[in-house]
Amino acid sequence: MAVLKVIEVLSSSETSWEDATQKAVAQAAKSLKHIRSVYVQEQSAQVKDGKVTEYRVNLKLTFEIE
């Protein structure tokens, strides 16, 4: 039986929500082993002068505890 833990992570990107998600997973993988899934809980964007300048994601990462 596996024991899983869920943590909340925030990330941002100047490119896209997908890129922000990839960055969050890549950074988390540096210190967490056995990441099983990611659930994008919320997406938002910062706007300046009528243009999106930053994409933000609030996501939950699920990983297995050894």
Protein backbone atom coordinates (compact mmCIF):
# COMPACT_ATOMS: atom_id res chain seq x y z
CA MET A 1 0.00 0.00 0.00
CA ALA A 2 1.34 3.42 -0.93
CA VAL A 3 0.99 6.53 1.20
CA LEU A 4 0.50 9.72 -0.80
CA LYS A 5 0.84 13.34 0.21
CA VAL A 6 -0.64 16.41 -1.48
CA ILE A 7 0.99 19.84 -1.37
CA GLU A 8 -0.07 23.15 -2.83
CA VAL A 9 2.34 24.96 -5.15
CA LEU A 10 2.18 28.37 -6.82
CA SER A 11 4.04 29.17 -10.04
CA SER A 12 4.13 31.81 -12.75
CA SER A 13 5.34 32.27 -16.30
CA GLU A 14 5.51 35.06 -18.84
CA THR A 15 4.61 32.54 -21.58
CA SER A 16 1.56 30.45 -20.61
CA TRP A 17 -0.31 28.56 -17.91
CA GLU A 18 1.15 25.33 -19.29
CA ASP A 19 4.67 26.70 -18.92
CA ALA A 20 3.93 27.79 -15.35
CA THR A 21 2.72 24.25 -14.60
CA GLN A 22 5.83 22.69 -16.16
CA LYS A 23 8.06 25.00 -14.13
CA ALA A 24 6.28 24.10 -10.90
CA VAL A 25 6.62 20.36 -11.52
CA ALA A 26 10.27 20.66 -12.60
CA GLN A 27 11.18 22.68 -9.52
CA ALA A 28 9.26 20.39 -7.15
CA ALA A 29 10.92 17.33 -8.70
CA LYS A 30 14.29 18.64 -7.52
CA SER A 31 13.34 17.92 -3.92
CA LEU A 32 10.37 15.51 -4.15
CA LYS A 33 10.53 11.94 -5.39
CA HIS A 34 7.72 9.92 -6.93
CA ILE A 35 5.45 12.76 -8.09
CA ARG A 36 2.31 11.01 -9.29
CA SER A 37 0.01 13.77 -10.51
CA VAL A 38 -0.68 17.46 -10.69
CA TYR A 39 -4.08 19.11 -10.41
CA VAL A 40 -4.36 22.69 -11.61
CA GLN A 41 -6.67 24.20 -9.06
CA GLU A 42 -6.72 27.79 -10.27
CA GLN A 43 -5.41 29.88 -13.14
CA SER A 44 -5.02 33.65 -13.14
CA ALA A 45 -3.14 36.29 -15.07
CA GLN A 46 -1.66 39.68 -14.42
CA VAL A 47 -2.57 42.36 -16.95
CA LYS A 48 -0.72 45.58 -17.71
CA ASP A 49 -1.71 48.12 -20.37
CA GLY A 50 -4.34 45.76 -21.77
CA LYS A 51 -1.93 42.84 -22.23
CA VAL A 52 -1.30 39.70 -20.20
CA THR A 53 2.14 40.02 -18.64
CA GLU A 54 2.19 36.99 -16.35
CA TYR A 55 0.32 33.67 -16.17
CA ARG A 56 -0.15 32.17 -12.72
CA VAL A 57 -1.22 28.72 -11.55
CA ASN A 58 -2.16 27.38 -8.17
CA LEU A 59 -1.80 23.62 -8.29
CA LYS A 60 -1.74 20.54 -6.10
CA LEU A 61 1.04 17.98 -6.46
CA THR A 62 0.53 14.41 -5.32
CA PHE A 63 3.59 12.33 -4.49
CA GLU A 64 4.34 9.04 -2.80
CA ILE A 65 5.97 9.03 0.62
CA GLU A 66 8.72 6.42 1.01
